[in-house]
Amino acid sequence: MKKKSTIVDIAARVGITPSAVSKALHGNTRISDDTRNAVLKAAQELGYQQNSMASALRTGRTGLIGILVPGIHYSFFSSAIKGAEEVLSDAGYSVMISQSKDSQEQEKKQLDGFVRANVEGVIASLGMETKQVGFYQEFSKDRPLVLFDRVFEDESISNIVIDDFQAAVKVVDHLAEMGYRRIAHLGGYSHILAFNKRMEGYKYGLVKHGLPVLDHFIFESSPDKDFAMAVMESLFNLPDPPDAVVAASDYLALGVLNFAKSRQIDVPGQLGIVGFSNEELTKHITPSLTTVDQFSEAMGQAAAELLLDQISCIHKGQEAVSQRRVFIPKLIVRDSTRRELHLANDE
């Protein structure tokens, strides 16, 4: 096997030091044009191939971006990844995708893996169990970071969100218009900013319409269908069960729907159900599910654009300024809340 040429071989051919060869190959302006041309000619003649990994370690430009999400089985996150990957690929970057599986320990482990891979930046969405975010803040001191959907409040870190508060208000407005009066809430954990805002919007909407805010109608959980079914079982053992449920995710809403079917509760006549995210399944189940579209693909694209802006600033030696973008949510009304004589059109 032919021995690979090195910068030492080029140095011997040209008659300069290996250090000077390295500088010439990397465009150091202190190297004259004549010397640089001689080095490039010798490199071509010797069949020299630059070690891209070593070069990346020196320059910090690996062309790699990390994307960390709770799970790719959620169509919301897979769609966001698609949007981000298209933007990053067009810009010449490759993408590494990892899942936290909603575990804080796994989330930190995956972020550490990105550091070892020397990614140039990361796009991430918090796991459901993540309460301590110091490891994200430490990461952001060394590399660009953009959070989306599930974020935490830190003005130094860029993020992409929808207006979760207004989204929940829109949901309650719709349910009140449909004649629902006893509205329960199955939310995500309130330490996640998005779910906290949805909770606030839900309560605000109830007060706005003069509807009761009942503590025993309010629950927090991970997006677990079985948990939703158990909650509904307890609620329908009450003398006055809810006549509508706002679920902070489509998977919780699906659990509510499964319960209704098991008890032969008419949806939407006896029980209205609203989800969040506009997962692909929501338009195909029976009845189809009213939900909030979070524009997942556009959110991924925007996150990638913000990250590229930060990387560009760093390469230019400029300070990268954090940015925040807020999408206006869209309520998609389907059969799970459309009572008779209301709303003839779907979307």
C-alpha atoms as a PDB file:
ATOM      1  CA  MET A   1       0.000   0.000   0.000  1.00  0.00           C
ATOM      2  CA  LYS A   2       1.322   3.399  -0.956  1.00  0.00           C
ATOM      3  CA  LYS A   3       2.216   5.576   2.013  1.00  0.00           C
ATOM      4  CA  LYS A   4       0.070   8.674   2.379  1.00  0.00           C
ATOM      5  CA  SER A   5       1.859  11.965   1.866  1.00  0.00           C
ATOM      6  CA  THR A   6       2.130  14.348   4.802  1.00  0.00           C
ATOM      7  CA  ILE A   7       2.964  18.003   5.283  1.00  0.00           C
ATOM      8  CA  VAL A   8       6.496  16.838   6.169  1.00  0.00           C
ATOM      9  CA  ASP A   9       6.851  15.430   2.643  1.00  0.00           C
ATOM     10  CA  ILE A  10       5.599  18.707   1.158  1.00  0.00           C
ATOM     11  CA  ALA A  11       7.990  20.668   3.359  1.00  0.00           C
ATOM     12  CA  ALA A  12      10.923  18.565   2.132  1.00  0.00           C
ATOM     13  CA  ARG A  13       9.885  19.033  -1.504  1.00  0.00           C
ATOM     14  CA  VAL A  14       9.489  22.819  -1.225  1.00  0.00           C
ATOM     15  CA  GLY A  15      12.350  23.402   1.212  1.00  0.00           C
ATOM     16  CA  ILE A  16      10.366  25.059   4.015  1.00  0.00           C
ATOM     17  CA  THR A  17       9.243  24.024   7.487  1.00  0.00           C
ATOM     18  CA  PRO A  18       6.152  21.832   8.085  1.00  0.00           C
ATOM     19  CA  SER A  19       4.680  24.742  10.065  1.00  0.00           C
ATOM     20  CA  ALA A  20       4.970  26.990   7.017  1.00  0.00           C
ATOM     21  CA  VAL A  21       3.304  24.320   4.860  1.00  0.00           C
ATOM     22  CA  SER A  22       0.397  24.149   7.290  1.00  0.00           C
ATOM     23  CA  LYS A  23       0.010  27.921   7.232  1.00  0.00           C
ATOM     24  CA  ALA A  24       0.077  27.960   3.432  1.00  0.00           C
ATOM     25  CA  LEU A  25      -2.581  25.246   3.205  1.00  0.00           C
ATOM     26  CA  HIS A  26      -4.840  27.188   5.573  1.00  0.00           C
ATOM     27  CA  GLY A  27      -4.503  30.532   3.814  1.00  0.00           C
ATOM     28  CA  ASN A  28      -2.339  32.349   6.351  1.00  0.00           C
ATOM     29  CA  THR A  29      -1.757  35.831   4.945  1.00  0.00           C
ATOM     30  CA  ARG A  30       1.840  35.887   6.259  1.00  0.00           C
ATOM     31  CA  ILE A  31       2.804  33.307   3.627  1.00  0.00           C
ATOM     32  CA  SER A  32       3.772  34.800   0.264  1.00  0.00           C
ATOM     33  CA  ASP A  33       1.851  33.964  -2.874  1.00  0.00           C
ATOM     34  CA  ASP A  34       4.941  32.306  -4.396  1.00  0.00           C
ATOM     35  CA  THR A  35       5.377  30.021  -1.395  1.00  0.00           C
ATOM     36  CA  ARG A  36       1.671  29.197  -1.256  1.00  0.00           C
ATOM     37  CA  ASN A  37       1.611  28.296  -4.953  1.00  0.00           C
ATOM     38  CA  ALA A  38       4.702  26.119  -4.521  1.00  0.00           C
ATOM     39  CA  VAL A  39       3.084  24.305  -1.607  1.00  0.00           C
ATOM     40  CA  LEU A  40      -0.161  23.716  -3.509  1.00  0.00           C
ATOM     41  CA  LYS A  41       1.769  22.420  -6.519  1.00  0.00           C
ATOM     42  CA  ALA A  42       3.813  20.025  -4.363  1.00  0.00           C
ATOM     43  CA  ALA A  43       0.677  18.845  -2.552  1.00  0.00           C
ATOM     44  CA  GLN A  44      -0.944  18.010  -5.884  1.00  0.00           C
ATOM     45  CA  GLU A  45       2.137  16.212  -7.189  1.00  0.00           C
ATOM     46  CA  LEU A  46       2.479  14.150  -4.002  1.00  0.00           C
ATOM     47  CA  GLY A  47      -1.256  13.324  -3.868  1.00  0.00           C
ATOM     48  CA  TYR A  48      -1.608  14.930  -0.450  1.00  0.00           C
ATOM     49  CA  GLN A  49      -5.082  14.694   1.135  1.00  0.00           C
ATOM     50  CA  GLN A  50      -5.767  17.011   4.001  1.00  0.00           C
ATOM     51  CA  ASN A  51      -7.041  15.394   7.217  1.00  0.00           C
ATOM     52  CA  SER A  52     -10.464  17.010   7.413  1.00  0.00           C
ATOM     53  CA  MET A  53     -11.038  15.920  11.026  1.00  0.00           C
ATOM     54  CA  ALA A  54      -7.761  17.436  12.179  1.00  0.00           C
ATOM     55  CA  SER A  55      -8.550  20.586  10.258  1.00  0.00           C
ATOM     56  CA  ALA A  56     -11.983  20.721  11.871  1.00  0.00           C
ATOM     57  CA  LEU A  57     -10.482  20.435  15.338  1.00  0.00           C
ATOM     58  CA  ARG A  58      -8.144  23.334  14.571  1.00  0.00           C
ATOM     59  CA  THR A  59     -10.734  25.603  12.993  1.00  0.00           C
ATOM     60  CA  GLY A  60     -13.867  24.567  14.909  1.00  0.00           C
ATOM     61  CA  ARG A  61     -15.711  24.214  11.585  1.00  0.00           C
ATOM     62  CA  THR A  62     -16.865  20.616  11.331  1.00  0.00           C
ATOM     63  CA  GLY A  63     -19.962  21.256   9.261  1.00  0.00           C
ATOM     64  CA  LEU A  64     -22.000  19.330  11.843  1.00  0.00           C
ATOM     65  CA  ILE A  65     -25.179  20.489  13.593  1.00  0.00           C
ATOM     66  CA  GLY A  66     -26.871  18.591  16.419  1.00  0.00           C
ATOM     67  CA  ILE A  67     -30.657  18.345  16.748  1.00  0.00           C
ATOM     68  CA  LEU A  68     -32.000  17.043  20.071  1.00  0.00           C
ATOM     69  CA  VAL A  69     -35.702  16.260  20.502  1.00  0.00           C
ATOM     70  CA  PRO A  70     -37.794  14.312  23.038  1.00  0.00           C
ATOM     71  CA  GLY A  71     -38.730  11.686  20.438  1.00  0.00           C
ATOM     72  CA  ILE A  72     -38.839  11.318  16.662  1.00  0.00           C
ATOM     73  CA  HIS A  73     -41.996   9.174  16.920  1.00  0.00           C
ATOM     74  CA  TYR A  74     -43.958  12.403  17.464  1.00  0.00           C
ATOM     75  CA  SER A  75     -44.830  13.731  14.020  1.00  0.00           C
ATOM     76  CA  PHE A  76     -44.474  17.259  15.419  1.00  0.00           C
ATOM     77  CA  PHE A  77     -40.763  16.717  16.092  1.00  0.00           C
ATOM     78  CA  SER A  78     -40.078  14.683  12.943  1.00  0.00           C
ATOM     79  CA  SER A  79     -41.654  17.470  10.907  1.00  0.00           C
ATOM     80  CA  ALA A  80     -39.600  20.119  12.744  1.00  0.00           C
ATOM     81  CA  ILE A  81     -36.436  18.097  12.047  1.00  0.00           C
ATOM     82  CA  LYS A  82     -37.391  17.941   8.358  1.00  0.00           C
ATOM     83  CA  GLY A  83     -37.723  21.720   8.206  1.00  0.00           C
ATOM     84  CA  ALA A  84     -34.443  22.327  10.009  1.00  0.00           C
ATOM     85  CA  GLU A  85     -32.503  19.718   8.011  1.00  0.00           C
ATOM     86  CA  GLU A  86     -33.571  21.205   4.676  1.00  0.00           C
ATOM     87  CA  VAL A  87     -32.308  24.661   5.649  1.00  0.00           C
ATOM     88  CA  LEU A  88     -29.061  23.331   7.119  1.00  0.00           C
ATOM     89  CA  SER A  89     -28.397  21.036   4.162  1.00  0.00           C
ATOM     90  CA  ASP A  90     -28.845  23.919   1.729  1.00  0.00           C
ATOM     91  CA  ALA A  91     -26.236  25.797   3.764  1.00  0.00           C
ATOM     92  CA  GLY A  92     -23.767  22.898   3.461  1.00  0.00           C
ATOM     93  CA  TYR A  93     -24.195  21.369   6.918  1.00  0.00           C
ATOM     94  CA  SER A  94     -24.758  17.781   7.996  1.00  0.00           C
ATOM     95  CA  VAL A  95     -27.142  16.927  10.828  1.00  0.00           C
ATOM     96  CA  MET A  96     -26.807  14.614  13.835  1.00  0.00           C
ATOM     97  CA  ILE A  97     -30.171  13.701  15.414  1.00  0.00           C
ATOM     98  CA  SER A  98     -30.581  12.459  18.993  1.00  0.00           C
ATOM     99  CA  GLN A  99     -33.546  11.706  21.261  1.00  0.00           C
ATOM    100  CA  SER A 100     -33.804  12.450  24.967  1.00  0.00           C
ATOM    101  CA  LYS A 101     -36.879  10.200  25.411  1.00  0.00           C
ATOM    102  CA  ASP A 102     -38.116  12.935  27.773  1.00  0.00           C
ATOM    103  CA  SER A 103     -35.327  12.074  30.253  1.00  0.00           C
ATOM    104  CA  GLN A 104     -33.162  14.831  31.745  1.00  0.00           C
ATOM    105  CA  GLU A 105     -30.285  12.376  32.251  1.00  0.00           C
ATOM    106  CA  GLN A 106     -30.485  11.200  28.649  1.00  0.00           C
ATOM    107  CA  GLU A 107     -30.788  14.786  27.441  1.00  0.00           C
ATOM    108  CA  LYS A 108     -27.532  15.786  29.142  1.00  0.00           C
ATOM    109  CA  LYS A 109     -25.831  12.636  27.824  1.00  0.00           C
ATOM    110  CA  GLN A 110     -26.845  13.411  24.246  1.00  0.00           C
ATOM    111  CA  LEU A 111     -25.724  17.025  24.570  1.00  0.00           C
ATOM    112  CA  ASP A 112     -22.339  15.825  25.864  1.00  0.00           C
ATOM    113  CA  GLY A 113     -22.173  13.562  22.819  1.00  0.00           C
ATOM    114  CA  PHE A 114     -22.652  16.569  20.565  1.00  0.00           C
ATOM    115  CA  VAL A 115     -19.742  18.279  22.308  1.00  0.00           C
ATOM    116  CA  ARG A 116     -17.504  15.253  21.710  1.00  0.00           C
ATOM    117  CA  ALA A 117     -18.546  15.288  18.051  1.00  0.00           C
ATOM    118  CA  ASN A 118     -17.543  18.963  17.946  1.00  0.00           C
ATOM    119  CA  VAL A 119     -20.827  20.148  16.419  1.00  0.00           C
ATOM    120  CA  GLU A 120     -20.898  23.806  15.463  1.00  0.00           C
ATOM    121  CA  GLY A 121     -24.286  24.369  17.080  1.00  0.00           C
ATOM    122  CA  VAL A 122     -27.394  22.672  18.436  1.00  0.00           C
ATOM    123  CA  ILE A 123     -31.164  22.952  17.954  1.00  0.00           C
ATOM    124  CA  ALA A 124     -33.069  21.409  20.859  1.00  0.00           C
ATOM    125  CA  SER A 125     -36.449  20.968  22.531  1.00  0.00           C
ATOM    126  CA  LEU A 126     -36.597  20.113  26.241  1.00  0.00           C
ATOM    127  CA  GLY A 127     -37.620  16.712  27.544  1.00  0.00           C
ATOM    128  CA  MET A 128     -40.678  16.473  29.766  1.00  0.00           C
ATOM    129  CA  GLU A 129     -38.622  15.516  32.850  1.00  0.00           C
ATOM    130  CA  THR A 130     -36.038  18.280  32.436  1.00  0.00           C
ATOM    131  CA  LYS A 131     -36.208  20.685  35.367  1.00  0.00           C
ATOM    132  CA  GLN A 132     -32.541  21.636  35.786  1.00  0.00           C
ATOM    133  CA  VAL A 133     -31.319  23.456  32.667  1.00  0.00           C
ATOM    134  CA  GLY A 134     -27.827  24.460  33.786  1.00  0.00           C
ATOM    135  CA  PHE A 135     -26.192  22.035  31.341  1.00  0.00           C
ATOM    136  CA  TYR A 136     -27.906  23.853  28.471  1.00  0.00           C
ATOM    137  CA  GLN A 137     -26.727  27.215  29.776  1.00  0.00           C
ATOM    138  CA  GLU A 138     -23.155  25.928  30.083  1.00  0.00           C
ATOM    139  CA  PHE A 139     -23.298  24.524  26.552  1.00  0.00           C
ATOM    140  CA  SER A 140     -24.530  27.855  25.170  1.00  0.00           C
ATOM    141  CA  LYS A 141     -21.414  29.630  26.478  1.00  0.00           C
ATOM    142  CA  ASP A 142     -19.229  27.719  23.997  1.00  0.00           C
ATOM    143  CA  ARG A 143     -21.510  26.991  21.045  1.00  0.00           C
ATOM    144  CA  PRO A 144     -24.627  28.455  19.414  1.00  0.00           C
ATOM    145  CA  LEU A 145     -27.875  27.020  20.789  1.00  0.00           C
ATOM    146  CA  VAL A 146     -31.456  27.514  19.614  1.00  0.00           C
ATOM    147  CA  LEU A 147     -34.388  26.068  21.553  1.00  0.00           C
ATOM    148  CA  PHE A 148     -37.815  25.465  20.034  1.00  0.00           C
ATOM    149  CA  ASP A 149     -41.308  24.602  21.298  1.00  0.00           C
ATOM    150  CA  ARG A 150     -40.301  23.382  24.791  1.00  0.00           C
ATOM    151  CA  VAL A 151     -37.994  26.142  25.958  1.00  0.00           C
ATOM    152  CA  PHE A 152     -36.962  27.839  29.182  1.00  0.00           C
ATOM    153  CA  GLU A 153     -36.701  31.539  29.865  1.00  0.00           C
ATOM    154  CA  ASP A 154     -33.166  32.814  29.277  1.00  0.00           C
ATOM    155  CA  GLU A 155     -32.665  36.010  27.298  1.00  0.00           C
ATOM    156  CA  SER A 156     -29.181  34.921  26.212  1.00  0.00           C
ATOM    157  CA  ILE A 157     -30.503  31.851  24.318  1.00  0.00           C
ATOM    158  CA  SER A 158     -32.436  32.104  21.052  1.00  0.00           C
ATOM    159  CA  ASN A 159     -35.780  30.334  20.885  1.00  0.00           C
ATOM    160  CA  ILE A 160     -38.726  29.601  18.608  1.00  0.00           C
ATOM    161  CA  VAL A 161     -42.199  29.173  20.116  1.00  0.00           C
ATOM    162  CA  ILE A 162     -45.868  29.603  19.364  1.00  0.00           C
ATOM    163  CA  ASP A 163     -48.023  31.906  21.477  1.00  0.00           C
ATOM    164  CA  ASP A 164     -49.164  29.081  23.759  1.00  0.00           C
ATOM    165  CA  PHE A 165     -51.215  31.408  25.961  1.00  0.00           C
ATOM    166  CA  GLN A 166     -53.294  32.732  23.064  1.00  0.00           C
ATOM    167  CA  ALA A 167     -53.594  29.228  21.631  1.00  0.00           C
ATOM    168  CA  ALA A 168     -55.271  28.000  24.820  1.00  0.00           C
ATOM    169  CA  VAL A 169     -57.535  31.059  24.920  1.00  0.00           C
ATOM    170  CA  LYS A 170     -58.625  30.318  21.338  1.00  0.00           C
ATOM    171  CA  VAL A 171     -59.426  26.746  22.342  1.00  0.00           C
ATOM    172  CA  VAL A 172     -61.634  27.839  25.260  1.00  0.00           C
ATOM    173  CA  ASP A 173     -63.281  30.505  23.083  1.00  0.00           C
ATOM    174  CA  HIS A 174     -64.234  27.801  20.603  1.00  0.00           C
ATOM    175  CA  LEU A 175     -65.514  25.385  23.237  1.00  0.00           C
ATOM    176  CA  ALA A 176     -67.606  28.134  24.863  1.00  0.00           C
ATOM    177  CA  GLU A 177     -69.038  29.020  21.456  1.00  0.00           C
ATOM    178  CA  MET A 178     -69.986  25.362  20.978  1.00  0.00           C
ATOM    179  CA  GLY A 179     -71.908  25.472  24.261  1.00  0.00           C
ATOM    180  CA  TYR A 180     -69.509  23.553  26.497  1.00  0.00           C
ATOM    181  CA  ARG A 181     -69.515  24.770  30.101  1.00  0.00           C
ATOM    182  CA  ARG A 182     -67.569  22.327  32.307  1.00  0.00           C
ATOM    183  CA  ILE A 183     -64.131  22.224  30.715  1.00  0.00           C
ATOM    184  CA  ALA A 184     -61.288  20.110  32.129  1.00  0.00           C
ATOM    185  CA  HIS A 185     -57.586  20.467  31.358  1.00  0.00           C
ATOM    186  CA  LEU A 186     -55.043  17.661  30.864  1.00  0.00           C
ATOM    187  CA  GLY A 187     -51.744  19.500  30.654  1.00  0.00           C
ATOM    188  CA  GLY A 188     -48.070  18.735  30.418  1.00  0.00           C
ATOM    189  CA  TYR A 189     -45.838  19.431  33.386  1.00  0.00           C
ATOM    190  CA  SER A 190     -46.020  23.114  34.305  1.00  0.00           C
ATOM    191  CA  HIS A 191     -42.237  23.507  34.736  1.00  0.00           C
ATOM    192  CA  ILE A 192     -42.123  23.377  30.914  1.00  0.00           C
ATOM    193  CA  LEU A 193     -42.834  26.955  29.801  1.00  0.00           C
ATOM    194  CA  ALA A 194     -45.107  25.969  26.893  1.00  0.00           C
ATOM    195  CA  PHE A 195     -47.376  23.879  29.096  1.00  0.00           C
ATOM    196  CA  ASN A 196     -47.409  26.543  31.791  1.00  0.00           C
ATOM    197  CA  LYS A 197     -48.563  29.136  29.251  1.00  0.00           C
ATOM    198  CA  ARG A 198     -51.266  26.786  27.971  1.00  0.00           C
ATOM    199  CA  MET A 199     -52.496  26.347  31.522  1.00  0.00           C
ATOM    200  CA  GLU A 200     -52.616  30.103  32.057  1.00  0.00           C
ATOM    201  CA  GLY A 201     -54.466  30.612  28.778  1.00  0.00           C
ATOM    202  CA  TYR A 202     -56.972  27.917  29.681  1.00  0.00           C
ATOM    203  CA  LYS A 203     -57.757  29.546  33.033  1.00  0.00           C
ATOM    204  CA  TYR A 204     -57.938  33.021  31.475  1.00  0.00           C
ATOM    205  CA  GLY A 205     -60.354  31.741  28.833  1.00  0.00           C
ATOM    206  CA  LEU A 206     -62.647  30.216  31.462  1.00  0.00           C
ATOM    207  CA  VAL A 207     -62.797  33.450  33.457  1.00  0.00           C
ATOM    208  CA  LYS A 208     -63.346  35.403  30.240  1.00  0.00           C
ATOM    209  CA  HIS A 209     -66.487  33.373  29.530  1.00  0.00           C
ATOM    210  CA  GLY A 210     -67.704  33.237  33.120  1.00  0.00           C
ATOM    211  CA  LEU A 211     -66.992  29.508  33.391  1.00  0.00           C
ATOM    212  CA  PRO A 212     -65.803  27.801  36.593  1.00  0.00           C
ATOM    213  CA  VAL A 213     -62.080  27.152  37.222  1.00  0.00           C
ATOM    214  CA  LEU A 214     -62.165  23.851  39.107  1.00  0.00           C
ATOM    215  CA  ASP A 215     -58.934  22.529  40.630  1.00  0.00           C
ATOM    216  CA  HIS A 216     -60.171  18.929  40.423  1.00  0.00           C
ATOM    217  CA  PHE A 217     -60.577  19.407  36.647  1.00  0.00           C
ATOM    218  CA  ILE A 218     -56.872  20.236  36.175  1.00  0.00           C
ATOM    219  CA  PHE A 219     -54.123  17.615  35.734  1.00  0.00           C
ATOM    220  CA  GLU A 220     -50.444  17.462  34.711  1.00  0.00           C
ATOM    221  CA  SER A 221     -48.672  14.543  33.068  1.00  0.00           C
ATOM    222  CA  SER A 222     -46.436  13.342  30.273  1.00  0.00           C
ATOM    223  CA  PRO A 223     -48.201  12.714  26.920  1.00  0.00           C
ATOM    224  CA  ASP A 224     -49.464   9.295  28.035  1.00  0.00           C
ATOM    225  CA  LYS A 225     -52.720   7.888  26.628  1.00  0.00           C
ATOM    226  CA  ASP A 226     -53.149   5.464  29.528  1.00  0.00           C
ATOM    227  CA  PHE A 227     -52.820   8.300  32.055  1.00  0.00           C
ATOM    228  CA  ALA A 228     -55.484  10.254  30.173  1.00  0.00           C
ATOM    229  CA  MET A 229     -57.848   7.293  30.293  1.00  0.00           C
ATOM    230  CA  ALA A 230     -57.284   6.895  34.053  1.00  0.00           C
ATOM    231  CA  VAL A 231     -57.948  10.608  34.635  1.00  0.00           C
ATOM    232  CA  MET A 232     -61.160  10.456  32.633  1.00  0.00           C
ATOM    233  CA  GLU A 233     -62.300   7.423  34.620  1.00  0.00           C
ATOM    234  CA  SER A 234     -61.927   9.438  37.841  1.00  0.00           C
ATOM    235  CA  LEU A 235     -63.646  12.498  36.356  1.00  0.00           C
ATOM    236  CA  PHE A 236     -66.634  10.529  35.116  1.00  0.00           C
ATOM    237  CA  ASN A 237     -67.120   9.030  38.553  1.00  0.00           C
ATOM    238  CA  LEU A 238     -67.914  12.552  39.781  1.00  0.00           C
ATOM    239  CA  PRO A 239     -71.542  13.727  40.128  1.00  0.00           C
ATOM    240  CA  ASP A 240     -70.860  16.475  37.542  1.00  0.00           C
ATOM    241  CA  PRO A 241     -68.209  15.287  35.068  1.00  0.00           C
ATOM    242  CA  PRO A 242     -66.750  17.613  32.432  1.00  0.00           C
ATOM    243  CA  ASP A 243     -68.464  18.129  29.105  1.00  0.00           C
ATOM    244  CA  ALA A 244     -65.191  19.093  27.353  1.00  0.00           C
ATOM    245  CA  VAL A 245     -61.456  18.461  27.734  1.00  0.00           C
ATOM    246  CA  VAL A 246     -58.541  20.610  26.639  1.00  0.00           C
ATOM    247  CA  ALA A 247     -55.513  18.328  26.254  1.00  0.00           C
ATOM    248  CA  ALA A 248     -52.025  19.840  26.023  1.00  0.00           C
ATOM    249  CA  SER A 249     -50.992  17.212  23.474  1.00  0.00           C
ATOM    250  CA  ASP A 250     -52.747  15.162  20.818  1.00  0.00           C
ATOM    251  CA  TYR A 251     -51.626  11.950  22.521  1.00  0.00           C
ATOM    252  CA  LEU A 252     -53.407  12.916  25.734  1.00  0.00           C
ATOM    253  CA  ALA A 253     -56.450  13.823  23.635  1.00  0.00           C
ATOM    254  CA  LEU A 254     -56.324  10.402  22.001  1.00  0.00           C
ATOM    255  CA  GLY A 255     -56.454   8.808  25.452  1.00  0.00           C
ATOM    256  CA  VAL A 256     -59.533  10.900  26.253  1.00  0.00           C
ATOM    257  CA  LEU A 257     -61.165   9.771  23.015  1.00  0.00           C
ATOM    258  CA  ASN A 258     -60.362   6.115  23.736  1.00  0.00           C
ATOM    259  CA  PHE A 259     -62.034   6.474  27.133  1.00  0.00           C
ATOM    260  CA  ALA A 260     -65.132   8.049  25.600  1.00  0.00           C
ATOM    261  CA  LYS A 261     -65.440   5.180  23.134  1.00  0.00           C
ATOM    262  CA  SER A 262     -65.012   2.598  25.900  1.00  0.00           C
ATOM    263  CA  ARG A 263     -67.890   4.186  27.845  1.00  0.00           C
ATOM    264  CA  GLN A 264     -69.996   4.903  24.748  1.00  0.00           C
ATOM    265  CA  ILE A 265     -69.887   8.642  25.455  1.00  0.00           C
ATOM    266  CA  ASP A 266     -70.893  10.615  22.400  1.00  0.00           C
ATOM    267  CA  VAL A 267     -68.168  12.869  20.990  1.00  0.00           C
ATOM    268  CA  PRO A 268     -68.852  15.746  20.464  1.00  0.00           C
ATOM    269  CA  GLY A 269     -72.439  15.643  21.724  1.00  0.00           C
ATOM    270  CA  GLN A 270     -71.673  14.728  25.336  1.00  0.00           C
ATOM    271  CA  LEU A 271     -67.940  15.436  25.389  1.00  0.00           C
ATOM    272  CA  GLY A 272     -65.831  17.836  23.339  1.00  0.00           C
ATOM    273  CA  ILE A 273     -62.115  17.076  22.935  1.00  0.00           C
ATOM    274  CA  VAL A 274     -59.293  19.376  21.800  1.00  0.00           C
ATOM    275  CA  GLY A 275     -55.622  18.454  21.392  1.00  0.00           C
ATOM    276  CA  PHE A 276     -52.362  20.272  20.614  1.00  0.00           C
ATOM    277  CA  SER A 277     -49.767  19.865  17.834  1.00  0.00           C
ATOM    278  CA  ASN A 278     -51.865  18.710  14.862  1.00  0.00           C
ATOM    279  CA  GLU A 279     -50.203  15.294  14.754  1.00  0.00           C
ATOM    280  CA  GLU A 280     -50.817  13.473  11.477  1.00  0.00           C
ATOM    281  CA  LEU A 281     -53.149  10.966  13.139  1.00  0.00           C
ATOM    282  CA  THR A 282     -55.602  13.663  14.251  1.00  0.00           C
ATOM    283  CA  LYS A 283     -57.215  14.027  10.837  1.00  0.00           C
ATOM    284  CA  HIS A 284     -57.592  10.278  10.295  1.00  0.00           C
ATOM    285  CA  ILE A 285     -59.167   9.054  13.552  1.00  0.00           C
ATOM    286  CA  THR A 286     -62.944   8.948  14.109  1.00  0.00           C
ATOM    287  CA  PRO A 287     -64.133  11.442  15.064  1.00  0.00           C
ATOM    288  CA  SER A 288     -61.349  13.610  13.670  1.00  0.00           C
ATOM    289  CA  LEU A 289     -59.666  15.678  16.387  1.00  0.00           C
ATOM    290  CA  THR A 290     -59.883  19.427  16.859  1.00  0.00           C
ATOM    291  CA  THR A 291     -56.342  20.574  17.570  1.00  0.00           C
ATOM    292  CA  VAL A 292     -53.894  23.497  17.503  1.00  0.00           C
ATOM    293  CA  ASP A 293     -51.466  23.655  14.589  1.00  0.00           C
ATOM    294  CA  GLN A 294     -48.008  24.644  15.851  1.00  0.00           C
ATOM    295  CA  PHE A 295     -46.468  24.938  12.358  1.00  0.00           C
ATOM    296  CA  SER A 296     -43.805  22.396  13.211  1.00  0.00           C
ATOM    297  CA  GLU A 297     -41.944  22.384   9.893  1.00  0.00           C
ATOM    298  CA  ALA A 298     -41.815  26.194   9.762  1.00  0.00           C
ATOM    299  CA  MET A 299     -40.654  26.200  13.380  1.00  0.00           C
ATOM    300  CA  GLY A 300     -37.771  23.878  12.470  1.00  0.00           C
ATOM    301  CA  GLN A 301     -36.845  26.060   9.515  1.00  0.00           C
ATOM    302  CA  ALA A 302     -36.832  29.182  11.681  1.00  0.00           C
ATOM    303  CA  ALA A 303     -34.689  27.474  14.323  1.00  0.00           C
ATOM    304  CA  ALA A 304     -32.138  26.518  11.669  1.00  0.00           C
ATOM    305  CA  GLU A 305     -32.089  30.054  10.293  1.00  0.00           C
ATOM    306  CA  LEU A 306     -31.444  31.535  13.737  1.00  0.00           C
ATOM    307  CA  LEU A 307     -28.650  29.027  14.358  1.00  0.00           C
ATOM    308  CA  LEU A 308     -26.996  29.815  11.010  1.00  0.00           C
ATOM    309  CA  ASP A 309     -27.160  33.530  11.855  1.00  0.00           C
ATOM    310  CA  GLN A 310     -25.294  32.876  15.101  1.00  0.00           C
ATOM    311  CA  ILE A 311     -22.681  30.668  13.436  1.00  0.00           C
ATOM    312  CA  SER A 312     -22.121  33.293  10.742  1.00  0.00           C
ATOM    313  CA  CYS A 313     -21.546  35.983  13.380  1.00  0.00           C
ATOM    314  CA  ILE A 314     -18.995  33.800  15.158  1.00  0.00           C
ATOM    315  CA  HIS A 315     -17.097  33.087  11.930  1.00  0.00           C
ATOM    316  CA  LYS A 316     -16.964  36.831  11.259  1.00  0.00           C
ATOM    317  CA  GLY A 317     -15.680  37.524  14.754  1.00  0.00           C
ATOM    318  CA  GLN A 318     -18.894  39.307  15.695  1.00  0.00           C
ATOM    319  CA  GLU A 319     -21.048  38.926  18.778  1.00  0.00           C
ATOM    320  CA  ALA A 320     -24.005  36.610  18.203  1.00  0.00           C
ATOM    321  CA  VAL A 321     -27.191  38.271  19.504  1.00  0.00           C
ATOM    322  CA  SER A 322     -29.977  36.000  20.766  1.00  0.00           C
ATOM    323  CA  GLN A 323     -33.348  36.238  19.032  1.00  0.00           C
ATOM    324  CA  ARG A 324     -36.901  35.095  19.772  1.00  0.00           C
ATOM    325  CA  ARG A 325     -39.571  34.292  17.201  1.00  0.00           C
ATOM    326  CA  VAL A 326     -43.207  33.700  18.105  1.00  0.00           C
ATOM    327  CA  PHE A 327     -45.607  31.947  15.733  1.00  0.00           C
ATOM    328  CA  ILE A 328     -49.318  32.735  15.854  1.00  0.00           C
ATOM    329  CA  PRO A 329     -51.152  29.431  16.463  1.00  0.00           C
ATOM    330  CA  LYS A 330     -54.044  28.202  14.339  1.00  0.00           C
ATOM    331  CA  LEU A 331     -57.022  26.331  15.756  1.00  0.00           C
ATOM    332  CA  ILE A 332     -58.122  23.539  13.416  1.00  0.00           C
ATOM    333  CA  VAL A 333     -61.753  22.668  14.124  1.00  0.00           C
ATOM    334  CA  ARG A 334     -62.755  19.091  13.379  1.00  0.00           C
ATOM    335  CA  ASP A 335     -65.488  16.666  14.405  1.00  0.00           C
ATOM    336  CA  SER A 336     -64.469  16.152  18.045  1.00  0.00           C
ATOM    337  CA  THR A 337     -65.942  19.555  18.976  1.00  0.00           C
ATOM    338  CA  ARG A 338     -68.256  20.367  16.100  1.00  0.00           C
ATOM    339  CA  ARG A 339     -71.723  20.030  17.563  1.00  0.00           C
ATOM    340  CA  GLU A 340     -74.757  20.004  15.255  1.00  0.00           C
ATOM    341  CA  LEU A 341     -75.733  23.299  13.611  1.00  0.00           C
ATOM    342  CA  HIS A 342     -72.249  24.731  14.226  1.00  0.00           C
ATOM    343  CA  LEU A 343     -69.344  25.353  11.837  1.00  0.00           C
ATOM    344  CA  ALA A 344     -70.092  23.822   8.469  1.00  0.00           C
ATOM    345  CA  ASN A 345     -66.512  24.121   7.256  1.00  0.00           C
ATOM    346  CA  ASP A 346     -63.558  22.072   8.514  1.00  0.00           C
ATOM    347  CA  GLU A 347     -60.318  23.946   8.012  1.00  0.00           C
END
